[in-house]
Full PDB file with SEQRES, HELIX, SHEET, SSBOND, CRYST1, ORIGX, SCALE, CONECT and MASTER records, all heavy atoms in Angstrom:
SEQRES   1 A   34  SER PRO ALA GLY GLU SER LEU LEU GLN LEU ALA VAL PHE          
SEQRES   2 A   34  SER ARG TYR PRO ILE LYS GLU GLU HIS LEU ILE ILE TYR          
SEQRES   3 A   34  PRO ASP SER LYS ASN CYS SER LEU                              
HELIX    1 AA1 PRO A    2  GLY A    4  5                                   3    
SHEET    1 AA1 2 ILE A  24  ILE A  25  0                                        
SHEET    2 AA1 2 CYS A  32  SER A  33 -1                                        
CRYST1    1.000    1.000    1.000  90.00  90.00  90.00 P 1           1          
ORIGX1      1.000000  0.000000  0.000000        0.00000                         
ORIGX2      0.000000  1.000000  0.000000        0.00000                         
ORIGX3      0.000000  0.000000  1.000000        0.00000                         
SCALE1      1.000000  0.000000  0.000000        0.00000                         
SCALE2      0.000000  1.000000  0.000000        0.00000                         
SCALE3      0.000000  0.000000  1.000000        0.00000                         
ATOM      1  N   SER A   1       0.862  -1.188  -0.034  1.00  0.00           N  
ATOM      2  CA  SER A   1       0.004  -0.014   0.023  1.00  0.00           C  
ATOM      3  C   SER A   1       0.865   1.239  -0.021  1.00  0.00           C  
ATOM      4  O   SER A   1       0.831   1.993   0.953  1.00  0.00           O  
ATOM      5  CB  SER A   1      -0.917   0.031   1.218  1.00  0.00           C  
ATOM      6  OG  SER A   1      -1.769  -1.166   1.207  1.00  0.00           O  
ATOM      7  N   PRO A   2       1.600   1.444  -1.058  1.00  0.00           N  
ATOM      8  CA  PRO A   2       2.434   2.738  -1.112  1.00  0.00           C  
ATOM      9  C   PRO A   2       1.482   3.938  -1.337  1.00  0.00           C  
ATOM     10  O   PRO A   2       0.536   3.826  -2.135  1.00  0.00           O  
ATOM     11  CB  PRO A   2       3.339   2.526  -2.293  1.00  0.00           C  
ATOM     12  CG  PRO A   2       2.619   1.577  -3.203  1.00  0.00           C  
ATOM     13  CD  PRO A   2       1.840   0.677  -2.238  1.00  0.00           C  
ATOM     14  N   ALA A   3       1.738   4.997  -0.643  1.00  0.00           N  
ATOM     15  CA  ALA A   3       0.947   6.231  -0.813  1.00  0.00           C  
ATOM     16  C   ALA A   3      -0.523   5.983  -0.607  1.00  0.00           C  
ATOM     17  O   ALA A   3      -1.414   6.621  -1.245  1.00  0.00           O  
ATOM     18  CB  ALA A   3       1.174   6.840  -2.184  1.00  0.00           C  
ATOM     19  N   GLY A   4      -0.820   4.998   0.272  1.00  0.00           N  
ATOM     20  CA  GLY A   4      -2.225   4.727   0.667  1.00  0.00           C  
ATOM     21  C   GLY A   4      -2.976   3.926  -0.370  1.00  0.00           C  
ATOM     22  O   GLY A   4      -4.188   3.638  -0.217  1.00  0.00           O  
ATOM     23  N   GLU A   5      -2.324   3.436  -1.434  1.00  0.00           N  
ATOM     24  CA  GLU A   5      -2.980   2.566  -2.454  1.00  0.00           C  
ATOM     25  C   GLU A   5      -2.818   1.111  -2.121  1.00  0.00           C  
ATOM     26  O   GLU A   5      -1.719   0.632  -1.845  1.00  0.00           O  
ATOM     27  CB  GLU A   5      -2.429   2.880  -3.850  1.00  0.00           C  
ATOM     28  CG  GLU A   5      -2.611   4.281  -4.301  1.00  0.00           C  
ATOM     29  CD  GLU A   5      -2.045   4.524  -5.713  1.00  0.00           C  
ATOM     30  OE1 GLU A   5      -2.032   3.539  -6.474  1.00  0.00           O  
ATOM     31  OE2 GLU A   5      -1.765   5.644  -6.089  1.00  0.00           O  
ATOM     32  N   SER A   6      -3.905   0.380  -2.146  1.00  0.00           N  
ATOM     33  CA  SER A   6      -3.867  -1.059  -1.833  1.00  0.00           C  
ATOM     34  C   SER A   6      -3.573  -1.770  -3.200  1.00  0.00           C  
ATOM     35  O   SER A   6      -4.345  -1.662  -4.213  1.00  0.00           O  
ATOM     36  CB  SER A   6      -5.226  -1.504  -1.347  1.00  0.00           C  
ATOM     37  OG  SER A   6      -5.257  -2.881  -1.135  1.00  0.00           O  
ATOM     38  N   LEU A   7      -2.482  -2.561  -3.158  1.00  0.00           N  
ATOM     39  CA  LEU A   7      -2.018  -3.252  -4.386  1.00  0.00           C  
ATOM     40  C   LEU A   7      -1.988  -4.721  -4.175  1.00  0.00           C  
ATOM     41  O   LEU A   7      -1.750  -5.240  -2.999  1.00  0.00           O  
ATOM     42  CB  LEU A   7      -0.670  -2.782  -4.824  1.00  0.00           C  
ATOM     43  CG  LEU A   7      -0.533  -1.227  -5.066  1.00  0.00           C  
ATOM     44  CD1 LEU A   7       0.971  -0.949  -5.359  1.00  0.00           C  
ATOM     45  CD2 LEU A   7      -1.376  -0.893  -6.297  1.00  0.00           C  
ATOM     46  N   LEU A   8      -2.137  -5.446  -5.239  1.00  0.00           N  
ATOM     47  CA  LEU A   8      -1.899  -6.950  -5.220  1.00  0.00           C  
ATOM     48  C   LEU A   8      -0.341  -7.115  -5.202  1.00  0.00           C  
ATOM     49  O   LEU A   8       0.273  -6.865  -6.200  1.00  0.00           O  
ATOM     50  CB  LEU A   8      -2.541  -7.592  -6.434  1.00  0.00           C  
ATOM     51  CG  LEU A   8      -4.105  -7.484  -6.454  1.00  0.00           C  
ATOM     52  CD1 LEU A   8      -4.610  -7.966  -7.859  1.00  0.00           C  
ATOM     53  CD2 LEU A   8      -4.653  -8.376  -5.387  1.00  0.00           C  
ATOM     54  N   GLN A   9       0.130  -7.626  -4.135  1.00  0.00           N  
ATOM     55  CA  GLN A   9       1.559  -7.512  -3.876  1.00  0.00           C  
ATOM     56  C   GLN A   9       2.466  -8.471  -4.775  1.00  0.00           C  
ATOM     57  O   GLN A   9       2.012  -9.559  -5.109  1.00  0.00           O  
ATOM     58  CB  GLN A   9       1.850  -7.872  -2.437  1.00  0.00           C  
ATOM     59  CG  GLN A   9       3.184  -7.390  -1.889  1.00  0.00           C  
ATOM     60  CD  GLN A   9       3.169  -7.280  -0.378  1.00  0.00           C  
ATOM     61  OE1 GLN A   9       2.352  -7.838   0.267  1.00  0.00           O  
ATOM     62  NE2 GLN A   9       4.153  -6.581   0.137  1.00  0.00           N  
ATOM     63  N   LEU A  10       3.607  -7.988  -5.143  1.00  0.00           N  
ATOM     64  CA  LEU A  10       4.630  -8.716  -5.886  1.00  0.00           C  
ATOM     65  C   LEU A  10       5.836  -8.928  -5.048  1.00  0.00           C  
ATOM     66  O   LEU A  10       6.084  -8.285  -3.990  1.00  0.00           O  
ATOM     67  CB  LEU A  10       4.985  -7.885  -7.114  1.00  0.00           C  
ATOM     68  CG  LEU A  10       3.914  -7.554  -8.171  1.00  0.00           C  
ATOM     69  CD1 LEU A  10       4.468  -6.618  -9.200  1.00  0.00           C  
ATOM     70  CD2 LEU A  10       3.369  -8.891  -8.853  1.00  0.00           C  
ATOM     71  N   ALA A  11       6.670  -9.858  -5.483  1.00  0.00           N  
ATOM     72  CA  ALA A  11       7.962 -10.106  -4.797  1.00  0.00           C  
ATOM     73  C   ALA A  11       8.955 -10.830  -5.707  1.00  0.00           C  
ATOM     74  O   ALA A  11       8.471 -11.547  -6.628  1.00  0.00           O  
ATOM     75  CB  ALA A  11       7.713 -10.932  -3.511  1.00  0.00           C  
ATOM     76  N   VAL A  12      10.215 -10.567  -5.513  1.00  0.00           N  
ATOM     77  CA  VAL A  12      11.316 -11.288  -6.192  1.00  0.00           C  
ATOM     78  C   VAL A  12      12.241 -11.808  -5.197  1.00  0.00           C  
ATOM     79  O   VAL A  12      12.674 -11.079  -4.284  1.00  0.00           O  
ATOM     80  CB  VAL A  12      11.952 -10.414  -7.198  1.00  0.00           C  
ATOM     81  CG1 VAL A  12      13.252 -11.046  -7.772  1.00  0.00           C  
ATOM     82  CG2 VAL A  12      11.028  -9.990  -8.317  1.00  0.00           C  
ATOM     83  N   PHE A  13      12.574 -13.172  -5.245  1.00  0.00           N  
ATOM     84  CA  PHE A  13      13.613 -13.709  -4.380  1.00  0.00           C  
ATOM     85  C   PHE A  13      14.735 -14.276  -5.336  1.00  0.00           C  
ATOM     86  O   PHE A  13      14.403 -14.871  -6.316  1.00  0.00           O  
ATOM     87  CB  PHE A  13      13.102 -14.816  -3.512  1.00  0.00           C  
ATOM     88  CG  PHE A  13      12.288 -14.279  -2.352  1.00  0.00           C  
ATOM     89  CD1 PHE A  13      11.012 -13.747  -2.463  1.00  0.00           C  
ATOM     90  CD2 PHE A  13      12.820 -14.295  -1.037  1.00  0.00           C  
ATOM     91  CE1 PHE A  13      10.313 -13.301  -1.404  1.00  0.00           C  
ATOM     92  CE2 PHE A  13      12.145 -13.821   0.050  1.00  0.00           C  
ATOM     93  CZ  PHE A  13      10.832 -13.302  -0.128  1.00  0.00           C  
ATOM     94  N   SER A  14      15.954 -14.027  -4.954  1.00  0.00           N  
ATOM     95  CA  SER A  14      17.132 -14.325  -5.879  1.00  0.00           C  
ATOM     96  C   SER A  14      18.295 -14.880  -5.160  1.00  0.00           C  
ATOM     97  O   SER A  14      18.583 -14.570  -3.967  1.00  0.00           O  
ATOM     98  CB  SER A  14      17.503 -13.035  -6.604  1.00  0.00           C  
ATOM     99  OG  SER A  14      18.632 -13.242  -7.403  1.00  0.00           O  
ATOM    100  N   ARG A  15      18.998 -15.743  -5.813  1.00  0.00           N  
ATOM    101  CA  ARG A  15      20.299 -16.239  -5.341  1.00  0.00           C  
ATOM    102  C   ARG A  15      21.437 -15.213  -5.593  1.00  0.00           C  
ATOM    103  O   ARG A  15      22.523 -15.331  -5.032  1.00  0.00           O  
ATOM    104  CB  ARG A  15      20.659 -17.588  -5.996  1.00  0.00           C  
ATOM    105  CG  ARG A  15      19.712 -18.710  -5.715  1.00  0.00           C  
ATOM    106  CD  ARG A  15      20.234 -19.996  -6.297  1.00  0.00           C  
ATOM    107  NE  ARG A  15      19.265 -21.041  -6.315  1.00  0.00           N  
ATOM    108  CZ  ARG A  15      19.104 -21.915  -5.276  1.00  0.00           C  
ATOM    109  NH1 ARG A  15      19.859 -21.809  -4.204  1.00  0.00           N  
ATOM    110  NH2 ARG A  15      18.209 -22.866  -5.320  1.00  0.00           N  
ATOM    111  N   TYR A  16      21.127 -14.306  -6.464  1.00  0.00           N  
ATOM    112  CA  TYR A  16      22.098 -13.262  -6.848  1.00  0.00           C  
ATOM    113  C   TYR A  16      21.709 -11.923  -6.302  1.00  0.00           C  
ATOM    114  O   TYR A  16      20.537 -11.588  -6.140  1.00  0.00           O  
ATOM    115  CB  TYR A  16      22.195 -13.205  -8.412  1.00  0.00           C  
ATOM    116  CG  TYR A  16      22.679 -14.485  -9.040  1.00  0.00           C  
ATOM    117  CD1 TYR A  16      21.765 -15.438  -9.510  1.00  0.00           C  
ATOM    118  CD2 TYR A  16      24.029 -14.824  -9.053  1.00  0.00           C  
ATOM    119  CE1 TYR A  16      22.154 -16.641 -10.062  1.00  0.00           C  
ATOM    120  CE2 TYR A  16      24.454 -16.039  -9.589  1.00  0.00           C  
ATOM    121  CZ  TYR A  16      23.548 -16.965 -10.109  1.00  0.00           C  
ATOM    122  OH  TYR A  16      24.009 -18.104 -10.595  1.00  0.00           O  
ATOM    123  N   PRO A  17      22.677 -11.020  -6.096  1.00  0.00           N  
ATOM    124  CA  PRO A  17      22.364  -9.717  -5.480  1.00  0.00           C  
ATOM    125  C   PRO A  17      21.482  -8.838  -6.333  1.00  0.00           C  
ATOM    126  O   PRO A  17      21.586  -8.725  -7.555  1.00  0.00           O  
ATOM    127  CB  PRO A  17      23.811  -9.055  -5.405  1.00  0.00           C  
ATOM    128  CG  PRO A  17      24.746 -10.148  -5.443  1.00  0.00           C  
ATOM    129  CD  PRO A  17      24.116 -11.250  -6.271  1.00  0.00           C  
ATOM    130  N   ILE A  18      20.521  -8.209  -5.673  1.00  0.00           N  
ATOM    131  CA  ILE A  18      19.595  -7.249  -6.281  1.00  0.00           C  
ATOM    132  C   ILE A  18      20.175  -5.839  -6.042  1.00  0.00           C  
ATOM    133  O   ILE A  18      20.244  -5.392  -4.890  1.00  0.00           O  
ATOM    134  CB  ILE A  18      18.171  -7.400  -5.767  1.00  0.00           C  
ATOM    135  CG1 ILE A  18      17.621  -8.801  -6.089  1.00  0.00           C  
ATOM    136  CG2 ILE A  18      17.250  -6.287  -6.289  1.00  0.00           C  
ATOM    137  CD1 ILE A  18      16.246  -9.099  -5.495  1.00  0.00           C  
ATOM    138  N   LYS A  19      20.487  -5.154  -7.130  1.00  0.00           N  
ATOM    139  CA  LYS A  19      21.200  -3.840  -6.970  1.00  0.00           C  
ATOM    140  C   LYS A  19      20.256  -2.690  -6.921  1.00  0.00           C  
ATOM    141  O   LYS A  19      20.363  -1.758  -6.118  1.00  0.00           O  
ATOM    142  CB  LYS A  19      22.179  -3.678  -8.140  1.00  0.00           C  
ATOM    143  CG  LYS A  19      23.301  -4.763  -8.153  1.00  0.00           C  
ATOM    144  CD  LYS A  19      24.139  -4.712  -6.905  1.00  0.00           C  
ATOM    145  CE  LYS A  19      25.315  -5.606  -6.854  1.00  0.00           C  
ATOM    146  NZ  LYS A  19      26.087  -5.618  -5.640  1.00  0.00           N  
ATOM    147  N   GLU A  20      19.323  -2.610  -7.833  1.00  0.00           N  
ATOM    148  CA  GLU A  20      18.385  -1.488  -7.940  1.00  0.00           C  
ATOM    149  C   GLU A  20      16.916  -2.043  -8.015  1.00  0.00           C  
ATOM    150  O   GLU A  20      16.734  -3.174  -8.510  1.00  0.00           O  
ATOM    151  CB  GLU A  20      18.672  -0.620  -9.126  1.00  0.00           C  
ATOM    152  CG  GLU A  20      20.040   0.035  -9.200  1.00  0.00           C  
ATOM    153  CD  GLU A  20      20.146   1.130  -8.134  1.00  0.00           C  
ATOM    154  OE1 GLU A  20      19.084   1.652  -7.641  1.00  0.00           O  
ATOM    155  OE2 GLU A  20      21.287   1.443  -7.824  1.00  0.00           O  
ATOM    156  N   GLU A  21      15.995  -1.308  -7.532  1.00  0.00           N  
ATOM    157  CA  GLU A  21      14.614  -1.834  -7.483  1.00  0.00           C  
ATOM    158  C   GLU A  21      13.589  -0.650  -7.632  1.00  0.00           C  
ATOM    159  O   GLU A  21      13.918   0.441  -7.182  1.00  0.00           O  
ATOM    160  CB  GLU A  21      14.358  -2.588  -6.209  1.00  0.00           C  
ATOM    161  CG  GLU A  21      14.708  -1.830  -4.969  1.00  0.00           C  
ATOM    162  CD  GLU A  21      14.961  -2.707  -3.732  1.00  0.00           C  
ATOM    163  OE1 GLU A  21      15.518  -3.818  -3.902  1.00  0.00           O  
ATOM    164  OE2 GLU A  21      14.572  -2.272  -2.684  1.00  0.00           O  
ATOM    165  N   HIS A  22      12.503  -0.951  -8.240  1.00  0.00           N  
ATOM    166  CA  HIS A  22      11.556   0.147  -8.524  1.00  0.00           C  
ATOM    167  C   HIS A  22      10.134  -0.484  -8.632  1.00  0.00           C  
ATOM    168  O   HIS A  22       9.996  -1.507  -9.341  1.00  0.00           O  
ATOM    169  CB  HIS A  22      11.920   0.856  -9.788  1.00  0.00           C  
ATOM    170  CG  HIS A  22      10.946   1.925 -10.174  1.00  0.00           C  
ATOM    171  ND1 HIS A  22      10.604   3.005  -9.360  1.00  0.00           N  
ATOM    172  CD2 HIS A  22      10.198   2.059 -11.320  1.00  0.00           C  
ATOM    173  CE1 HIS A  22       9.720   3.749 -10.007  1.00  0.00           C  
ATOM    174  NE2 HIS A  22       9.407   3.180 -11.128  1.00  0.00           N  
ATOM    175  N   LEU A  23       9.201   0.092  -7.974  1.00  0.00           N  
ATOM    176  CA  LEU A  23       7.781  -0.347  -8.121  1.00  0.00           C  
ATOM    177  C   LEU A  23       7.074   0.476  -9.148  1.00  0.00           C  
ATOM    178  O   LEU A  23       7.200   1.706  -9.165  1.00  0.00           O  
ATOM    179  CB  LEU A  23       7.074  -0.224  -6.771  1.00  0.00           C  
ATOM    180  CG  LEU A  23       5.559  -0.613  -6.779  1.00  0.00           C  
ATOM    181  CD1 LEU A  23       5.365  -2.077  -7.051  1.00  0.00           C  
ATOM    182  CD2 LEU A  23       5.003  -0.241  -5.353  1.00  0.00           C  
ATOM    183  N   ILE A  24       6.316  -0.190 -10.065  1.00  0.00           N  
ATOM    184  CA  ILE A  24       5.605   0.529 -11.149  1.00  0.00           C  
ATOM    185  C   ILE A  24       4.055   0.436 -10.803  1.00  0.00           C  
ATOM    186  O   ILE A  24       3.505  -0.694 -10.776  1.00  0.00           O  
ATOM    187  CB  ILE A  24       5.900  -0.130 -12.435  1.00  0.00           C  
ATOM    188  CG1 ILE A  24       7.447  -0.145 -12.727  1.00  0.00           C  
ATOM    189  CG2 ILE A  24       5.151   0.542 -13.575  1.00  0.00           C  
ATOM    190  CD1 ILE A  24       7.903  -1.119 -13.781  1.00  0.00           C  
ATOM    191  N   ILE A  25       3.495   1.531 -10.537  1.00  0.00           N  
ATOM    192  CA  ILE A  25       2.076   1.642 -10.237  1.00  0.00           C  
ATOM    193  C   ILE A  25       1.301   2.139 -11.422  1.00  0.00           C  
ATOM    194  O   ILE A  25       1.676   3.081 -12.065  1.00  0.00           O  
ATOM    195  CB  ILE A  25       1.835   2.532  -8.986  1.00  0.00           C  
ATOM    196  CG1 ILE A  25       2.602   1.985  -7.757  1.00  0.00           C  
ATOM    197  CG2 ILE A  25       0.351   2.625  -8.686  1.00  0.00           C  
ATOM    198  CD1 ILE A  25       2.533   2.901  -6.533  1.00  0.00           C  
ATOM    199  N   TYR A  26       0.158   1.457 -11.701  1.00  0.00           N  
ATOM    200  CA  TYR A  26      -0.667   1.868 -12.826  1.00  0.00           C  
ATOM    201  C   TYR A  26      -1.902   2.543 -12.350  1.00  0.00           C  
ATOM    202  O   TYR A  26      -2.451   2.237 -11.246  1.00  0.00           O  
ATOM    203  CB  TYR A  26      -1.170   0.589 -13.614  1.00  0.00           C  
ATOM    204  CG  TYR A  26       0.024  -0.204 -14.136  1.00  0.00           C  
ATOM    205  CD1 TYR A  26       0.282  -1.511 -13.671  1.00  0.00           C  
ATOM    206  CD2 TYR A  26       0.815   0.377 -15.110  1.00  0.00           C  
ATOM    207  CE1 TYR A  26       1.323  -2.260 -14.185  1.00  0.00           C  
ATOM    208  CE2 TYR A  26       1.929  -0.415 -15.597  1.00  0.00           C  
ATOM    209  CZ  TYR A  26       2.154  -1.707 -15.148  1.00  0.00           C  
ATOM    210  OH  TYR A  26       3.198  -2.445 -15.669  1.00  0.00           O  
ATOM    211  N   PRO A  27      -2.364   3.589 -13.029  1.00  0.00           N  
ATOM    212  CA  PRO A  27      -3.496   4.376 -12.602  1.00  0.00           C  
ATOM    213  C   PRO A  27      -4.852   3.543 -12.638  1.00  0.00           C  
ATOM    214  O   PRO A  27      -5.026   2.663 -13.470  1.00  0.00           O  
ATOM    215  CB  PRO A  27      -3.606   5.506 -13.643  1.00  0.00           C  
ATOM    216  CG  PRO A  27      -2.908   4.976 -14.791  1.00  0.00           C  
ATOM    217  CD  PRO A  27      -1.803   4.095 -14.263  1.00  0.00           C  
ATOM    218  N   ASP A  28      -5.637   3.780 -11.658  1.00  0.00           N  
ATOM    219  CA  ASP A  28      -6.948   3.164 -11.519  1.00  0.00           C  
ATOM    220  C   ASP A  28      -6.841   1.627 -11.600  1.00  0.00           C  
ATOM    221  O   ASP A  28      -7.607   0.935 -12.294  1.00  0.00           O  
ATOM    222  CB  ASP A  28      -7.813   3.618 -12.720  1.00  0.00           C  
ATOM    223  CG  ASP A  28      -9.278   3.225 -12.500  1.00  0.00           C  
ATOM    224  OD1 ASP A  28      -9.738   3.063 -11.348  1.00  0.00           O  
ATOM    225  OD2 ASP A  28     -10.009   3.116 -13.558  1.00  0.00           O  
ATOM    226  N   SER A  29      -5.908   1.038 -10.830  1.00  0.00           N  
ATOM    227  CA  SER A  29      -5.662  -0.345 -10.825  1.00  0.00           C  
ATOM    228  C   SER A  29      -5.050  -0.814  -9.558  1.00  0.00           C  
ATOM    229  O   SER A  29      -4.161  -0.138  -9.004  1.00  0.00           O  
ATOM    230  CB  SER A  29      -4.890  -0.842 -12.025  1.00  0.00           C  
ATOM    231  OG  SER A  29      -4.649  -2.224 -12.021  1.00  0.00           O  
ATOM    232  N   LYS A  30      -5.404  -2.020  -9.061  1.00  0.00           N  
ATOM    233  CA  LYS A  30      -4.719  -2.611  -7.888  1.00  0.00           C  
ATOM    234  C   LYS A  30      -3.535  -3.435  -8.397  1.00  0.00           C  
ATOM    235  O   LYS A  30      -2.778  -3.891  -7.561  1.00  0.00           O  
ATOM    236  CB  LYS A  30      -5.680  -3.498  -7.146  1.00  0.00           C  
ATOM    237  CG  LYS A  30      -6.789  -2.720  -6.380  1.00  0.00           C  
ATOM    238  CD  LYS A  30      -7.620  -3.678  -5.601  1.00  0.00           C  
ATOM    239  CE  LYS A  30      -8.668  -2.880  -4.775  1.00  0.00           C  
ATOM    240  NZ  LYS A  30      -9.490  -3.808  -3.907  1.00  0.00           N  
ATOM    241  N   ASN A  31      -3.466  -3.642  -9.651  1.00  0.00           N  
ATOM    242  CA  ASN A  31      -2.332  -4.430 -10.187  1.00  0.00           C  
ATOM    243  C   ASN A  31      -1.087  -3.504 -10.416  1.00  0.00           C  
ATOM    244  O   ASN A  31      -1.205  -2.321 -10.522  1.00  0.00           O  
ATOM    245  CB  ASN A  31      -2.699  -5.118 -11.511  1.00  0.00           C  
ATOM    246  CG  ASN A  31      -3.830  -6.086 -11.382  1.00  0.00           C  
ATOM    247  OD1 ASN A  31      -5.005  -5.701 -11.205  1.00  0.00           O  
ATOM    248  ND2 ASN A  31      -3.495  -7.303 -11.405  1.00  0.00           N  
ATOM    249  N   CYS A  32       0.113  -4.170 -10.463  1.00  0.00           N  
ATOM    250  CA  CYS A  32       1.339  -3.392 -10.600  1.00  0.00           C  
ATOM    251  C   CYS A  32       2.385  -4.229 -11.186  1.00  0.00           C  
ATOM    252  O   CYS A  32       2.253  -5.392 -11.469  1.00  0.00           O  
ATOM    253  CB  CYS A  32       1.707  -2.896  -9.191  1.00  0.00           C  
ATOM    254  SG  CYS A  32       1.970  -4.189  -7.970  1.00  0.00           S  
ATOM    255  N   SER A  33       3.557  -3.648 -11.374  1.00  0.00           N  
ATOM    256  CA  SER A  33       4.805  -4.299 -11.870  1.00  0.00           C  
ATOM    257  C   SER A  33       5.918  -3.843 -11.014  1.00  0.00           C  
ATOM    258  O   SER A  33       5.834  -2.821 -10.278  1.00  0.00           O  
ATOM    259  CB  SER A  33       5.009  -3.970 -13.321  1.00  0.00           C  
ATOM    260  OG  SER A  33       3.986  -4.405 -14.163  1.00  0.00           O  
ATOM    261  N   LEU A  34       7.043  -4.555 -11.062  1.00  0.00           N  
ATOM    262  CA  LEU A  34       8.285  -4.050 -10.438  1.00  0.00           C  
ATOM    263  C   LEU A  34       9.442  -4.396 -11.356  1.00  0.00           C  
ATOM    264  O   LEU A  34       9.373  -5.249 -12.206  1.00  0.00           O  
ATOM    265  CB  LEU A  34       8.518  -4.784  -9.063  1.00  0.00           C  
ATOM    266  CG  LEU A  34       8.732  -6.262  -8.976  1.00  0.00           C  
ATOM    267  CD1 LEU A  34      10.140  -6.615  -9.273  1.00  0.00           C  
ATOM    268  CD2 LEU A  34       8.350  -6.744  -7.562  1.00  0.00           C  
TER     269      LEU A  34                                                      
MASTER        0    0    0    1    2    0    0    6  268    1    0    3          
END                                                                             
């Protein structure tokens, strides 16, 4: 729920280091990408 928006949550788990990360929110939707 970033900025008060309820989203269908995503996650990534990795054996390798994650360096940069960014959440992509779509207007008028509970769905998202990262």
